[in-house]
């Protein structure tokens, strides 16, 4: 589990906007501090030095996440056969 960043607000389209500490990959799973899945990375906005991440929520009340810390679960890499 890797820290993604803190939730800034919920957009009018109900996406969760996070001030990111790292640059995640599109589609990575996002969880809260209780390891509850809250959504998936939908978009990355802004410069690479200070990115914002839009998370498409999979929970009913994303507004409850305001100012909370979110995390990403690193995707498992498939081992290539040689």
N, C-alpha and C. Protein backbone atom coordinates (compact mmCIF):
# COMPACT_ATOMS: atom_id res chain seq x y z
N UNK A 1 0.84 -1.17 0.00
CA UNK A 1 0.00 0.00 0.00
C UNK A 1 0.90 1.24 0.00
N UNK A 2 0.55 2.21 -0.84
CA UNK A 2 1.35 3.42 -0.98
C UNK A 2 0.45 4.63 -0.80
N UNK A 3 0.94 5.63 -0.08
CA UNK A 3 0.14 6.82 0.17
C UNK A 3 -0.06 7.60 -1.12
N UNK A 4 -1.33 7.91 -1.43
CA UNK A 4 -1.65 8.68 -2.62
C UNK A 4 -1.67 10.16 -2.30
N UNK A 5 -2.45 10.56 -1.30
CA UNK A 5 -2.54 11.96 -0.92
C UNK A 5 -3.83 12.25 -0.19
N UNK A 6 -4.08 13.54 0.05
CA UNK A 6 -5.24 13.97 0.82
C UNK A 6 -6.34 14.47 -0.11
N UNK A 7 -7.58 14.11 0.22
CA UNK A 7 -8.74 14.52 -0.57
C UNK A 7 -8.95 16.03 -0.40
N UNK A 8 -9.01 16.76 -1.52
CA UNK A 8 -9.27 18.20 -1.48
C UNK A 8 -10.76 18.49 -1.50
N UNK A 9 -11.44 17.89 -2.47
CA UNK A 9 -12.88 18.10 -2.59
C UNK A 9 -13.49 17.08 -3.56
N UNK A 10 -14.80 17.16 -3.68
CA UNK A 10 -15.53 16.32 -4.62
C UNK A 10 -15.98 17.22 -5.77
N UNK A 11 -15.68 16.84 -6.99
CA UNK A 11 -16.01 17.67 -8.15
C UNK A 11 -17.52 17.63 -8.42
N UNK A 12 -18.04 18.57 -9.23
CA UNK A 12 -19.46 18.53 -9.58
C UNK A 12 -19.89 17.22 -10.25
N UNK A 13 -18.95 16.54 -10.92
CA UNK A 13 -19.27 15.26 -11.55
C UNK A 13 -19.07 14.09 -10.58
N UNK A 14 -18.90 14.42 -9.28
CA UNK A 14 -18.77 13.45 -8.19
C UNK A 14 -17.46 12.66 -8.20
N UNK A 15 -16.43 13.15 -8.88
CA UNK A 15 -15.11 12.54 -8.79
C UNK A 15 -14.41 13.07 -7.55
N UNK A 16 -13.59 12.24 -6.94
CA UNK A 16 -12.83 12.62 -5.76
C UNK A 16 -11.51 13.24 -6.25
N UNK A 17 -11.23 14.48 -5.85
CA UNK A 17 -10.01 15.16 -6.27
C UNK A 17 -9.00 15.09 -5.13
N UNK A 18 -7.82 14.54 -5.44
CA UNK A 18 -6.78 14.31 -4.45
C UNK A 18 -5.53 15.08 -4.82
N UNK A 19 -4.93 15.77 -3.84
CA UNK A 19 -3.62 16.40 -4.03
C UNK A 19 -2.62 15.28 -3.84
N UNK A 20 -2.05 14.82 -4.93
CA UNK A 20 -1.25 13.59 -4.91
C UNK A 20 0.19 13.83 -4.48
N UNK A 21 0.72 12.85 -3.75
CA UNK A 21 2.13 12.86 -3.35
C UNK A 21 2.99 12.06 -4.33
N UNK A 22 2.35 11.20 -5.11
CA UNK A 22 3.04 10.38 -6.10
C UNK A 22 2.22 10.41 -7.38
N UNK A 23 2.78 9.88 -8.43
CA UNK A 23 2.05 9.79 -9.69
C UNK A 23 1.60 8.35 -9.87
N UNK A 24 0.30 8.09 -9.69
CA UNK A 24 -0.20 6.73 -9.84
C UNK A 24 -0.44 6.39 -11.31
N UNK A 25 -0.84 5.17 -11.55
CA UNK A 25 -1.22 4.74 -12.89
C UNK A 25 -2.73 4.79 -13.00
N UNK A 26 -3.23 5.12 -14.19
CA UNK A 26 -4.66 5.13 -14.44
C UNK A 26 -5.19 3.72 -14.18
N UNK A 27 -6.29 3.63 -13.45
CA UNK A 27 -6.91 2.35 -13.16
C UNK A 27 -6.50 1.71 -11.86
N UNK A 28 -5.50 2.29 -11.16
CA UNK A 28 -5.10 1.71 -9.89
C UNK A 28 -6.21 1.86 -8.85
N UNK A 29 -6.31 0.88 -7.97
CA UNK A 29 -7.33 0.86 -6.93
C UNK A 29 -6.94 1.81 -5.81
N UNK A 30 -7.93 2.59 -5.34
CA UNK A 30 -7.71 3.56 -4.26
C UNK A 30 -8.50 3.10 -3.04
N UNK A 31 -7.82 3.11 -1.87
CA UNK A 31 -8.45 2.69 -0.62
C UNK A 31 -8.28 3.78 0.44
N UNK A 32 -9.11 3.69 1.51
CA UNK A 32 -8.95 4.62 2.63
C UNK A 32 -8.09 3.96 3.70
N UNK A 33 -7.99 4.59 4.87
CA UNK A 33 -7.12 4.05 5.92
C UNK A 33 -7.65 2.77 6.55
N UNK A 34 -8.91 2.41 6.27
CA UNK A 34 -9.48 1.15 6.74
C UNK A 34 -9.40 0.06 5.68
N UNK A 35 -8.68 0.33 4.59
CA UNK A 35 -8.53 -0.56 3.44
C UNK A 35 -9.84 -0.83 2.71
N UNK A 36 -10.79 0.10 2.85
CA UNK A 36 -12.04 0.03 2.11
C UNK A 36 -11.80 0.61 0.73
N UNK A 37 -12.16 -0.11 -0.31
CA UNK A 37 -11.98 0.40 -1.67
C UNK A 37 -12.94 1.56 -1.89
N UNK A 38 -12.38 2.71 -2.28
CA UNK A 38 -13.21 3.90 -2.52
C UNK A 38 -13.35 4.22 -4.00
N UNK A 39 -12.48 3.65 -4.85
CA UNK A 39 -12.59 3.90 -6.28
C UNK A 39 -11.33 3.54 -7.02
N UNK A 40 -11.24 4.07 -8.25
CA UNK A 40 -10.07 3.82 -9.10
C UNK A 40 -9.59 5.15 -9.67
N UNK A 41 -8.27 5.22 -9.91
CA UNK A 41 -7.68 6.42 -10.51
C UNK A 41 -8.28 6.59 -11.89
N UNK A 42 -8.84 7.77 -12.13
CA UNK A 42 -9.56 8.06 -13.37
C UNK A 42 -8.76 9.00 -14.27
N UNK A 43 -8.08 9.98 -13.65
CA UNK A 43 -7.34 10.98 -14.43
C UNK A 43 -6.26 11.59 -13.56
N UNK A 44 -5.21 12.09 -14.19
CA UNK A 44 -4.13 12.81 -13.51
C UNK A 44 -4.06 14.18 -14.14
N UNK A 45 -4.08 15.22 -13.29
CA UNK A 45 -4.19 16.60 -13.76
C UNK A 45 -3.02 17.42 -13.21
N UNK A 46 -2.53 18.32 -14.02
CA UNK A 46 -1.51 19.24 -13.55
C UNK A 46 -0.10 18.79 -13.85
N UNK A 47 0.89 19.56 -13.36
CA UNK A 47 2.29 19.24 -13.64
C UNK A 47 2.75 18.02 -12.85
N UNK A 48 3.75 17.33 -13.35
CA UNK A 48 4.26 16.13 -12.68
C UNK A 48 4.88 16.47 -11.33
N UNK A 49 5.32 17.70 -11.14
CA UNK A 49 5.91 18.08 -9.86
C UNK A 49 4.86 18.29 -8.77
N UNK A 50 3.62 18.52 -9.16
CA UNK A 50 2.54 18.76 -8.20
C UNK A 50 1.20 18.29 -8.78
N UNK A 51 1.04 16.97 -8.95
CA UNK A 51 -0.16 16.47 -9.63
C UNK A 51 -1.40 16.41 -8.74
N UNK A 52 -2.54 16.45 -9.39
CA UNK A 52 -3.82 16.18 -8.76
C UNK A 52 -4.37 14.94 -9.43
N UNK A 53 -5.10 14.13 -8.67
CA UNK A 53 -5.64 12.89 -9.20
C UNK A 53 -7.15 12.91 -9.05
N UNK A 54 -7.84 12.52 -10.11
CA UNK A 54 -9.30 12.35 -10.06
C UNK A 54 -9.57 10.87 -9.88
N UNK A 55 -10.36 10.55 -8.86
CA UNK A 55 -10.71 9.17 -8.54
C UNK A 55 -12.19 8.99 -8.82
N UNK A 56 -12.53 8.00 -9.64
CA UNK A 56 -13.94 7.66 -9.90
C UNK A 56 -14.41 6.82 -8.71
N UNK A 57 -15.34 7.35 -7.91
CA UNK A 57 -15.72 6.65 -6.67
C UNK A 57 -16.55 5.40 -6.93
N UNK A 58 -16.37 4.43 -6.05
CA UNK A 58 -17.19 3.21 -6.07
C UNK A 58 -18.02 3.13 -4.79
N UNK A 59 -18.04 4.22 -4.03
CA UNK A 59 -18.83 4.27 -2.79
C UNK A 59 -20.00 5.23 -2.99
N UNK A 60 -21.02 5.08 -2.15
CA UNK A 60 -22.24 5.88 -2.32
C UNK A 60 -22.09 7.32 -1.87
N UNK A 61 -21.29 7.58 -0.83
CA UNK A 61 -21.17 8.92 -0.27
C UNK A 61 -19.71 9.40 -0.30
N UNK A 62 -19.19 9.79 -1.47
CA UNK A 62 -17.79 10.21 -1.53
C UNK A 62 -17.51 11.49 -0.74
N UNK A 63 -18.52 12.31 -0.46
CA UNK A 63 -18.32 13.55 0.30
C UNK A 63 -17.79 13.29 1.71
N UNK A 64 -18.01 12.10 2.24
CA UNK A 64 -17.52 11.75 3.57
C UNK A 64 -16.00 11.63 3.62
N UNK A 65 -15.36 11.58 2.44
CA UNK A 65 -13.91 11.43 2.37
C UNK A 65 -13.16 12.76 2.40
N UNK A 66 -13.88 13.88 2.48
CA UNK A 66 -13.24 15.20 2.46
C UNK A 66 -12.14 15.29 3.52
N UNK A 67 -10.96 15.72 3.08
CA UNK A 67 -9.78 15.92 3.93
C UNK A 67 -9.19 14.63 4.50
N UNK A 68 -9.57 13.47 3.98
CA UNK A 68 -9.02 12.19 4.44
C UNK A 68 -7.84 11.78 3.58
N UNK A 69 -6.98 10.97 4.16
CA UNK A 69 -5.82 10.43 3.45
C UNK A 69 -6.25 9.20 2.67
N UNK A 70 -5.83 9.10 1.41
CA UNK A 70 -6.14 7.92 0.59
C UNK A 70 -4.84 7.25 0.16
N UNK A 71 -4.96 5.98 -0.20
CA UNK A 71 -3.80 5.16 -0.56
C UNK A 71 -4.11 4.41 -1.85
N UNK A 72 -3.04 3.97 -2.53
CA UNK A 72 -3.21 3.14 -3.71
C UNK A 72 -2.62 1.76 -3.43
N UNK A 73 -3.23 0.79 -4.05
CA UNK A 73 -2.71 -0.57 -3.97
C UNK A 73 -1.92 -0.80 -5.24
N UNK A 74 -0.62 -1.03 -5.12
CA UNK A 74 0.19 -1.25 -6.34
C UNK A 74 -0.35 -2.42 -7.15
N UNK A 75 -0.39 -2.24 -8.46
CA UNK A 75 -0.87 -3.32 -9.32
C UNK A 75 0.19 -4.42 -9.36
N UNK A 76 -0.29 -5.65 -9.43
CA UNK A 76 0.63 -6.80 -9.49
C UNK A 76 1.16 -6.91 -10.90
N UNK A 77 2.46 -7.01 -10.99
CA UNK A 77 3.08 -7.17 -12.32
C UNK A 77 3.09 -8.64 -12.69
N UNK A 78 2.77 -8.87 -13.93
CA UNK A 78 2.83 -10.25 -14.43
C UNK A 78 4.27 -10.57 -14.80
N UNK A 79 4.70 -11.72 -14.39
CA UNK A 79 6.06 -12.14 -14.74
C UNK A 79 6.07 -12.63 -16.17
N UNK A 80 7.04 -12.14 -16.92
CA UNK A 80 7.16 -12.56 -18.32
C UNK A 80 7.96 -13.85 -18.40
N UNK A 81 7.54 -14.73 -19.28
CA UNK A 81 8.27 -15.98 -19.49
C UNK A 81 9.44 -15.71 -20.42
N UNK A 82 10.55 -16.30 -20.10
CA UNK A 82 11.74 -16.13 -20.94
C UNK A 82 12.04 -17.38 -21.70
